[in-house]
């Protein structure tokens, strides 16, 4: 099968972000989406540390370390970008002013529950950050993750075993093997990668799937 690489996953997410949307990109994989937004499409990217109008990552050697995202990665600012206090940024998140947030995840359940801040392991460092605020504040929550964990288990699960970030909040999951839409009738798989039969995707996912 032809798994998508991380940039291909980011490009697939970017394709579904509409003109004029206000979007927050979570720490990790989702930050790559900024580099793949279609040319000419105006999307206002928000960072929880206080920037609206974030652009793509700077070229190597052109980083300005006073201009970073919430994950402390260097970013660029587009013309007309605005800077504001951290508290104002969270007011935007909690007040329902973001159209979409794109988050990473450890697990997503078939009901759309999200677990992305703690594995529950004794030596793990909890890192919820602003994910709870984004998960319940954004109008749509997209998750971007590899379908399988390092041990081969599916991150798409019947019920999350890790501590929850949000309940019933995820509407779509973008993975390296397929896109999964989560709705009241269950999980629908679309955009399955070339060379991967639906039955094999069903086996790998380990949860009931409908074919889109």
C-alpha atoms as a PDB file:
ATOM      1  CA  UNK A   1       0.000   0.000   0.000  1.00  0.00           C
ATOM      2  CA  UNK A   2       1.088   3.616  -0.523  1.00  0.00           C
ATOM      3  CA  UNK A   3       0.883   5.269   2.882  1.00  0.00           C
ATOM      4  CA  UNK A   4       0.708   9.056   2.880  1.00  0.00           C
ATOM      5  CA  UNK A   5       3.715  10.821   4.328  1.00  0.00           C
ATOM      6  CA  UNK A   6       3.279  13.682   6.761  1.00  0.00           C
ATOM      7  CA  UNK A   7       3.300  16.401   4.122  1.00  0.00           C
ATOM      8  CA  UNK A   8       0.753  14.521   2.033  1.00  0.00           C
ATOM      9  CA  UNK A   9      -1.467  14.174   5.102  1.00  0.00           C
ATOM     10  CA  UNK A  10      -1.143  17.918   5.749  1.00  0.00           C
ATOM     11  CA  UNK A  11      -2.004  18.714   2.128  1.00  0.00           C
ATOM     12  CA  UNK A  12      -5.115  16.519   2.388  1.00  0.00           C
ATOM     13  CA  UNK A  13      -6.267  18.437   5.482  1.00  0.00           C
ATOM     14  CA  UNK A  14      -5.513  21.787   3.828  1.00  0.00           C
ATOM     15  CA  UNK A  15      -7.691  20.857   0.863  1.00  0.00           C
ATOM     16  CA  UNK A  16     -10.765  20.753   3.121  1.00  0.00           C
ATOM     17  CA  UNK A  17     -10.240  24.147   4.779  1.00  0.00           C
ATOM     18  CA  UNK A  18     -12.546  26.652   3.066  1.00  0.00           C
ATOM     19  CA  UNK A  19     -11.917  30.213   2.005  1.00  0.00           C
ATOM     20  CA  UNK A  20     -12.189  32.720   4.849  1.00  0.00           C
ATOM     21  CA  UNK A  21     -11.982  30.152   7.657  1.00  0.00           C
ATOM     22  CA  UNK A  22     -10.465  30.966  11.043  1.00  0.00           C
ATOM     23  CA  UNK A  23      -8.338  27.950  11.937  1.00  0.00           C
ATOM     24  CA  UNK A  24      -6.120  26.852  14.819  1.00  0.00           C
ATOM     25  CA  UNK A  25      -3.390  24.305  14.100  1.00  0.00           C
ATOM     26  CA  UNK A  26      -2.414  22.174  17.090  1.00  0.00           C
ATOM     27  CA  UNK A  27       1.104  21.241  18.142  1.00  0.00           C
ATOM     28  CA  UNK A  28       2.893  18.513  16.172  1.00  0.00           C
ATOM     29  CA  UNK A  29       1.678  17.186  12.832  1.00  0.00           C
ATOM     30  CA  UNK A  30      -1.086  19.805  12.375  1.00  0.00           C
ATOM     31  CA  UNK A  31       1.462  22.645  12.131  1.00  0.00           C
ATOM     32  CA  UNK A  32       2.446  21.282   8.690  1.00  0.00           C
ATOM     33  CA  UNK A  33      -0.966  22.274   7.318  1.00  0.00           C
ATOM     34  CA  UNK A  34       0.176  25.918   7.164  1.00  0.00           C
ATOM     35  CA  UNK A  35       2.694  24.964   4.474  1.00  0.00           C
ATOM     36  CA  UNK A  36       0.090  23.364   2.203  1.00  0.00           C
ATOM     37  CA  UNK A  37      -2.823  25.776   2.008  1.00  0.00           C
ATOM     38  CA  UNK A  38      -3.754  26.268  -1.667  1.00  0.00           C
ATOM     39  CA  UNK A  39      -2.313  29.412  -3.244  1.00  0.00           C
ATOM     40  CA  UNK A  40      -4.809  32.256  -3.364  1.00  0.00           C
ATOM     41  CA  UNK A  41      -7.086  30.812  -0.681  1.00  0.00           C
ATOM     42  CA  UNK A  42      -7.402  33.192   2.270  1.00  0.00           C
ATOM     43  CA  UNK A  43      -7.336  31.297   5.558  1.00  0.00           C
ATOM     44  CA  UNK A  44      -6.682  33.058   8.866  1.00  0.00           C
ATOM     45  CA  UNK A  45      -4.480  30.871  11.050  1.00  0.00           C
ATOM     46  CA  UNK A  46      -4.673  31.394  14.800  1.00  0.00           C
ATOM     47  CA  UNK A  47      -2.115  30.442  17.452  1.00  0.00           C
ATOM     48  CA  UNK A  48      -3.154  30.109  21.067  1.00  0.00           C
ATOM     49  CA  UNK A  49      -0.133  32.120  22.236  1.00  0.00           C
ATOM     50  CA  UNK A  50      -1.538  35.220  20.541  1.00  0.00           C
ATOM     51  CA  UNK A  51      -1.233  35.544  16.752  1.00  0.00           C
ATOM     52  CA  UNK A  52      -3.916  35.728  14.075  1.00  0.00           C
ATOM     53  CA  UNK A  53      -2.658  35.666  10.506  1.00  0.00           C
ATOM     54  CA  UNK A  54       0.131  33.109  10.803  1.00  0.00           C
ATOM     55  CA  UNK A  55       1.853  32.131   7.580  1.00  0.00           C
ATOM     56  CA  UNK A  56       3.922  29.101   6.567  1.00  0.00           C
ATOM     57  CA  UNK A  57       7.129  28.074   8.303  1.00  0.00           C
ATOM     58  CA  UNK A  58      10.101  30.362   7.533  1.00  0.00           C
ATOM     59  CA  UNK A  59      12.904  29.261   5.244  1.00  0.00           C
ATOM     60  CA  UNK A  60      15.916  27.771   6.971  1.00  0.00           C
ATOM     61  CA  UNK A  61      18.113  30.575   8.244  1.00  0.00           C
ATOM     62  CA  UNK A  62      15.244  33.085   8.153  1.00  0.00           C
ATOM     63  CA  UNK A  63      13.739  32.205  11.532  1.00  0.00           C
ATOM     64  CA  UNK A  64      12.732  34.994  13.904  1.00  0.00           C
ATOM     65  CA  UNK A  65      12.699  33.404  17.377  1.00  0.00           C
ATOM     66  CA  UNK A  66      10.516  36.219  18.715  1.00  0.00           C
ATOM     67  CA  UNK A  67       7.796  34.943  16.363  1.00  0.00           C
ATOM     68  CA  UNK A  68       6.735  31.429  17.362  1.00  0.00           C
ATOM     69  CA  UNK A  69       3.631  29.271  17.625  1.00  0.00           C
ATOM     70  CA  UNK A  70       2.337  27.523  20.744  1.00  0.00           C
ATOM     71  CA  UNK A  71       4.751  24.664  20.145  1.00  0.00           C
ATOM     72  CA  UNK A  72       7.702  27.112  20.185  1.00  0.00           C
ATOM     73  CA  UNK A  73       8.347  26.588  16.461  1.00  0.00           C
ATOM     74  CA  UNK A  74       9.310  29.625  14.368  1.00  0.00           C
ATOM     75  CA  UNK A  75       6.513  30.890  12.127  1.00  0.00           C
ATOM     76  CA  UNK A  76       5.854  33.784   9.769  1.00  0.00           C
ATOM     77  CA  UNK A  77       3.176  36.470   9.915  1.00  0.00           C
ATOM     78  CA  UNK A  78       1.158  37.436   6.849  1.00  0.00           C
ATOM     79  CA  UNK A  79       0.371  41.088   5.978  1.00  0.00           C
ATOM     80  CA  UNK A  80      -2.374  42.317   8.322  1.00  0.00           C
ATOM     81  CA  UNK A  81      -1.536  39.815  11.072  1.00  0.00           C
ATOM     82  CA  UNK A  82      -2.462  40.781  14.629  1.00  0.00           C
ATOM     83  CA  UNK A  83      -0.756  40.046  17.957  1.00  0.00           C
ATOM     84  CA  UNK A  84      -2.660  39.957  21.233  1.00  0.00           C
ATOM     85  CA  UNK A  85      -2.577  38.789  24.838  1.00  0.00           C
ATOM     86  CA  UNK A  86      -2.700  35.074  25.635  1.00  0.00           C
ATOM     87  CA  UNK A  87      -5.962  35.611  27.546  1.00  0.00           C
ATOM     88  CA  UNK A  88      -7.582  37.251  24.511  1.00  0.00           C
ATOM     89  CA  UNK A  89      -6.485  34.295  22.402  1.00  0.00           C
ATOM     90  CA  UNK A  90      -8.188  31.865  24.765  1.00  0.00           C
ATOM     91  CA  UNK A  91     -11.312  34.041  24.766  1.00  0.00           C
ATOM     92  CA  UNK A  92     -11.434  33.574  20.982  1.00  0.00           C
ATOM     93  CA  UNK A  93     -11.092  29.810  21.414  1.00  0.00           C
ATOM     94  CA  UNK A  94     -13.645  29.476  24.203  1.00  0.00           C
ATOM     95  CA  UNK A  95     -16.073  31.944  22.632  1.00  0.00           C
ATOM     96  CA  UNK A  96     -16.714  29.874  19.509  1.00  0.00           C
ATOM     97  CA  UNK A  97     -14.881  32.217  17.143  1.00  0.00           C
ATOM     98  CA  UNK A  98     -12.779  29.523  15.429  1.00  0.00           C
ATOM     99  CA  UNK A  99     -14.292  27.657  12.499  1.00  0.00           C
ATOM    100  CA  UNK A 100     -11.882  24.709  12.609  1.00  0.00           C
ATOM    101  CA  UNK A 101      -9.122  23.376  14.798  1.00  0.00           C
ATOM    102  CA  UNK A 102      -6.751  20.642  13.644  1.00  0.00           C
ATOM    103  CA  UNK A 103      -5.370  18.551  16.493  1.00  0.00           C
ATOM    104  CA  UNK A 104      -3.144  15.530  16.931  1.00  0.00           C
ATOM    105  CA  UNK A 105      -4.396  12.594  18.986  1.00  0.00           C
ATOM    106  CA  UNK A 106      -3.407   9.469  20.860  1.00  0.00           C
ATOM    107  CA  UNK A 107      -6.911   8.048  20.374  1.00  0.00           C
ATOM    108  CA  UNK A 108     -10.242   8.978  18.795  1.00  0.00           C
ATOM    109  CA  UNK A 109     -13.344   6.921  19.554  1.00  0.00           C
ATOM    110  CA  UNK A 110     -16.102   5.998  17.121  1.00  0.00           C
ATOM    111  CA  UNK A 111     -18.309   8.497  19.010  1.00  0.00           C
ATOM    112  CA  UNK A 112     -15.843  11.306  18.297  1.00  0.00           C
ATOM    113  CA  UNK A 113     -14.284  11.409  21.770  1.00  0.00           C
ATOM    114  CA  UNK A 114     -10.738  12.793  21.766  1.00  0.00           C
ATOM    115  CA  UNK A 115      -7.757  11.759  23.904  1.00  0.00           C
ATOM    116  CA  UNK A 116      -4.624  13.727  23.117  1.00  0.00           C
ATOM    117  CA  UNK A 117      -3.013  14.996  26.300  1.00  0.00           C
ATOM    118  CA  UNK A 118      -1.909  12.027  28.411  1.00  0.00           C
ATOM    119  CA  UNK A 119      -1.296   8.322  27.840  1.00  0.00           C
ATOM    120  CA  UNK A 120      -1.816   7.536  31.494  1.00  0.00           C
ATOM    121  CA  UNK A 121       1.687   6.081  31.761  1.00  0.00           C
ATOM    122  CA  UNK A 122       3.311   6.757  35.168  1.00  0.00           C
ATOM    123  CA  UNK A 123       6.312   8.530  33.621  1.00  0.00           C
ATOM    124  CA  UNK A 124       4.326  10.514  31.036  1.00  0.00           C
ATOM    125  CA  UNK A 125       4.219  14.301  31.322  1.00  0.00           C
ATOM    126  CA  UNK A 126       0.627  15.605  31.070  1.00  0.00           C
ATOM    127  CA  UNK A 127       0.376  18.272  28.381  1.00  0.00           C
ATOM    128  CA  UNK A 128      -3.222  19.322  27.882  1.00  0.00           C
ATOM    129  CA  UNK A 129      -2.321  22.921  26.955  1.00  0.00           C
ATOM    130  CA  UNK A 130      -5.205  24.599  25.144  1.00  0.00           C
ATOM    131  CA  UNK A 131      -6.515  21.383  23.582  1.00  0.00           C
ATOM    132  CA  UNK A 132      -9.585  21.208  25.860  1.00  0.00           C
ATOM    133  CA  UNK A 133     -10.535  24.770  24.980  1.00  0.00           C
ATOM    134  CA  UNK A 134     -10.075  24.118  21.262  1.00  0.00           C
ATOM    135  CA  UNK A 135     -11.938  20.810  21.332  1.00  0.00           C
ATOM    136  CA  UNK A 136     -15.089  22.336  22.788  1.00  0.00           C
ATOM    137  CA  UNK A 137     -14.751  25.848  21.370  1.00  0.00           C
ATOM    138  CA  UNK A 138     -14.093  25.291  17.655  1.00  0.00           C
ATOM    139  CA  UNK A 139     -17.072  24.761  15.360  1.00  0.00           C
ATOM    140  CA  UNK A 140     -15.353  21.752  13.765  1.00  0.00           C
ATOM    141  CA  UNK A 141     -12.582  19.550  15.140  1.00  0.00           C
ATOM    142  CA  UNK A 142     -10.338  17.726  12.668  1.00  0.00           C
ATOM    143  CA  UNK A 143      -7.756  15.233  13.891  1.00  0.00           C
ATOM    144  CA  UNK A 144      -4.554  14.484  12.000  1.00  0.00           C
ATOM    145  CA  UNK A 145      -2.715  11.322  13.071  1.00  0.00           C
ATOM    146  CA  UNK A 146      -1.201   8.087  11.834  1.00  0.00           C
ATOM    147  CA  UNK A 147      -3.804   5.346  12.074  1.00  0.00           C
ATOM    148  CA  UNK A 148      -1.556   2.873  13.887  1.00  0.00           C
ATOM    149  CA  UNK A 149       0.465   3.381  17.061  1.00  0.00           C
ATOM    150  CA  UNK A 150       4.057   2.152  17.300  1.00  0.00           C
ATOM    151  CA  UNK A 151       2.857  -1.167  18.720  1.00  0.00           C
ATOM    152  CA  UNK A 152       0.546  -1.685  15.716  1.00  0.00           C
ATOM    153  CA  UNK A 153      -2.688  -0.953  17.588  1.00  0.00           C
ATOM    154  CA  UNK A 154      -5.286   1.306  16.021  1.00  0.00           C
ATOM    155  CA  UNK A 155      -5.667   4.841  17.355  1.00  0.00           C
ATOM    156  CA  UNK A 156      -9.275   4.746  16.156  1.00  0.00           C
ATOM    157  CA  UNK A 157     -11.017   2.888  18.978  1.00  0.00           C
ATOM    158  CA  UNK A 158     -14.439   1.838  20.223  1.00  0.00           C
ATOM    159  CA  UNK A 159     -13.801   3.592  23.526  1.00  0.00           C
ATOM    160  CA  UNK A 160     -10.813   5.714  24.554  1.00  0.00           C
ATOM    161  CA  UNK A 161      -8.630   4.136  27.213  1.00  0.00           C
ATOM    162  CA  UNK A 162      -6.617   7.313  27.737  1.00  0.00           C
ATOM    163  CA  UNK A 163      -7.887  10.361  29.666  1.00  0.00           C
ATOM    164  CA  UNK A 164     -10.298  12.393  27.527  1.00  0.00           C
ATOM    165  CA  UNK A 165      -9.679  15.854  26.162  1.00  0.00           C
ATOM    166  CA  UNK A 166     -13.199  16.290  24.806  1.00  0.00           C
ATOM    167  CA  UNK A 167     -16.387  14.247  24.411  1.00  0.00           C
ATOM    168  CA  UNK A 168     -18.063  13.782  21.032  1.00  0.00           C
ATOM    169  CA  UNK A 169     -16.126  16.665  19.534  1.00  0.00           C
ATOM    170  CA  UNK A 170     -14.254  15.164  16.538  1.00  0.00           C
ATOM    171  CA  UNK A 171     -15.978  15.239  13.156  1.00  0.00           C
ATOM    172  CA  UNK A 172     -13.186  14.030  10.843  1.00  0.00           C
ATOM    173  CA  UNK A 173      -9.930  12.104  11.219  1.00  0.00           C
ATOM    174  CA  UNK A 174      -7.154  12.360   8.621  1.00  0.00           C
ATOM    175  CA  UNK A 175      -4.660   9.506   8.661  1.00  0.00           C
ATOM    176  CA  UNK A 176      -1.885   8.066   6.526  1.00  0.00           C
ATOM    177  CA  UNK A 177      -4.232   5.320   5.264  1.00  0.00           C
ATOM    178  CA  UNK A 178      -7.668   6.956   4.889  1.00  0.00           C
ATOM    179  CA  UNK A 179      -9.954   9.778   5.971  1.00  0.00           C
ATOM    180  CA  UNK A 180     -12.647   8.885   8.511  1.00  0.00           C
ATOM    181  CA  UNK A 181     -15.853  10.864   8.944  1.00  0.00           C
ATOM    182  CA  UNK A 182     -17.503  10.428  12.343  1.00  0.00           C
ATOM    183  CA  UNK A 183     -21.262  10.819  12.419  1.00  0.00           C
ATOM    184  CA  UNK A 184     -24.343   9.644  14.320  1.00  0.00           C
ATOM    185  CA  UNK A 185     -24.516   6.456  12.232  1.00  0.00           C
ATOM    186  CA  UNK A 186     -20.871   5.493  12.725  1.00  0.00           C
ATOM    187  CA  UNK A 187     -17.515   5.925  10.998  1.00  0.00           C
ATOM    188  CA  UNK A 188     -17.244   6.275   7.225  1.00  0.00           C
ATOM    189  CA  UNK A 189     -13.912   5.671   5.473  1.00  0.00           C
ATOM    190  CA  UNK A 190     -13.061   7.695   2.379  1.00  0.00           C
ATOM    191  CA  UNK A 191      -9.928   8.472   0.379  1.00  0.00           C
ATOM    192  CA  UNK A 192      -8.398   5.068   1.125  1.00  0.00           C
ATOM    193  CA  UNK A 193      -4.812   4.953  -0.137  1.00  0.00           C
ATOM    194  CA  UNK A 194      -3.974   3.037  -3.286  1.00  0.00           C
ATOM    195  CA  UNK A 195      -3.245  -0.632  -2.763  1.00  0.00           C
ATOM    196  CA  UNK A 196      -5.190  -0.971   0.488  1.00  0.00           C
ATOM    197  CA  UNK A 197      -8.389  -3.053   0.185  1.00  0.00           C
ATOM    198  CA  UNK A 198     -11.312  -1.922   2.314  1.00  0.00           C
ATOM    199  CA  UNK A 199     -11.360  -5.240   4.183  1.00  0.00           C
ATOM    200  CA  UNK A 200      -7.716  -4.780   5.183  1.00  0.00           C
ATOM    201  CA  UNK A 201      -8.384  -1.215   6.339  1.00  0.00           C
ATOM    202  CA  UNK A 202     -11.273  -2.590   8.403  1.00  0.00           C
ATOM    203  CA  UNK A 203      -8.932  -5.139   9.993  1.00  0.00           C
ATOM    204  CA  UNK A 204      -6.262  -2.540  10.775  1.00  0.00           C
ATOM    205  CA  UNK A 205      -8.740  -0.014  12.181  1.00  0.00           C
ATOM    206  CA  UNK A 206     -10.333  -2.622  14.431  1.00  0.00           C
ATOM    207  CA  UNK A 207     -13.668  -0.780  14.570  1.00  0.00           C
ATOM    208  CA  UNK A 208     -16.788  -1.054  12.385  1.00  0.00           C
ATOM    209  CA  UNK A 209     -16.431   1.032   9.215  1.00  0.00           C
ATOM    210  CA  UNK A 210     -18.751   2.077   6.423  1.00  0.00           C
ATOM    211  CA  UNK A 211     -17.376   2.606   2.941  1.00  0.00           C
ATOM    212  CA  UNK A 212     -17.734   6.172   1.688  1.00  0.00           C
END
